[in-house]
Protein backbone atom coordinates (compact mmCIF):
# COMPACT_ATOMS: atom_id res chain seq x y z
CA MET A 1 0.01 -0.02 -0.01
CA ALA A 2 2.85 2.36 0.78
CA ALA A 3 4.65 1.69 -2.91
CA ILE A 4 0.96 2.51 -4.34
CA ALA A 5 0.76 5.49 -2.20
CA SER A 6 4.26 6.98 -3.33
CA LEU A 7 3.51 6.16 -6.50
CA ALA A 8 0.37 8.13 -6.58
CA VAL A 9 2.35 10.95 -5.20
CA LEU A 10 5.05 11.17 -7.38
CA ALA A 11 2.40 11.03 -10.49
CA SER A 12 0.61 13.72 -8.86
CA LEU A 13 3.87 15.59 -8.68
CA TRP A 14 4.96 15.07 -12.41
CA GLY A 15 1.29 15.98 -13.47
CA THR A 16 1.34 19.56 -11.29
CA THR A 17 4.57 20.24 -13.14
CA TYR A 18 3.29 19.66 -16.29
CA LEU A 19 -0.01 21.38 -15.69
CA VAL A 20 1.65 24.54 -14.30
CA GLY A 21 3.95 24.99 -17.17
CA ARG A 22 7.13 23.58 -15.83
CA ASP A 23 8.33 27.17 -14.63
CA GLY A 24 10.05 25.49 -11.81
CA TRP A 25 10.45 22.73 -9.22
CA TRP A 26 8.82 24.98 -6.43
CA TRP A 27 5.55 25.33 -8.20
CA THR A 28 5.47 21.25 -8.03
CA VAL A 29 6.12 21.35 -4.48
CA LEU A 30 3.56 24.11 -4.03
CA ALA A 31 0.60 22.57 -5.78
CA GLY A 32 1.79 19.01 -4.96
CA PHE A 33 2.00 19.30 -1.18
CA PRO A 34 -1.27 19.58 -0.48
CA LEU A 35 -2.13 16.37 -2.56
CA PHE A 36 0.87 14.42 -0.65
CA LEU A 37 -0.59 15.43 2.56
CA ALA A 38 -4.20 14.13 1.32
CA VAL A 39 -2.56 10.77 0.21
CA VAL A 40 -0.65 10.33 3.53
CA CYS A 41 -3.66 10.83 5.93
CA ALA A 42 -5.58 8.62 3.78
CA TYR A 43 -3.44 5.95 4.25
CA GLY A 44 -3.50 6.87 7.93
CA ILE A 45 -7.08 6.44 7.84
CA TYR A 46 -7.10 2.85 6.02
CA ASP A 47 -4.18 1.74 8.45
CA SER A 48 -6.18 2.80 11.66
CA LEU A 49 -9.42 1.32 10.32
CA ARG A 50 -8.14 -2.10 8.96
CA LEU A 51 -9.49 -5.19 10.89
CA GLN A 52 -6.62 -6.69 12.85
CA PRO A 53 -6.88 -10.35 14.42
CA ARG A 54 -7.48 -10.09 17.79
CA ASP A 55 -5.44 -12.63 19.93
CA ASP A 56 -7.23 -13.21 23.41
CA ASP A 57 -5.03 -16.05 24.60
CA SER A 58 -2.44 -13.08 25.41
CA GLU A 59 -4.56 -11.28 28.13
CA LYS A 60 -5.18 -14.53 30.11
CA GLY A 61 -1.69 -15.10 31.20
CA PRO A 62 0.29 -18.62 31.59
CA THR A 63 -1.54 -21.47 31.40
CA GLU A 64 -1.29 -24.71 33.71
CA PRO A 65 0.06 -27.77 32.18
CA ALA A 66 -2.12 -30.81 32.10
CA VAL A 67 -1.36 -33.27 34.61
């Protein structure tokens, strides 16, 4: 997922540079930074909402061996 987000950011920066007219790298940074923040926030929300398996045995503590 992180690789997809990185590719999306790079593609958006390239597209922004092309659309602005290639006047300089700072236009790319200026226009692409909000999109970069949006991608980072979206990934953070996705990661926090992702269902993770719950290990209930870890809360019970050690068990006694069967005799």
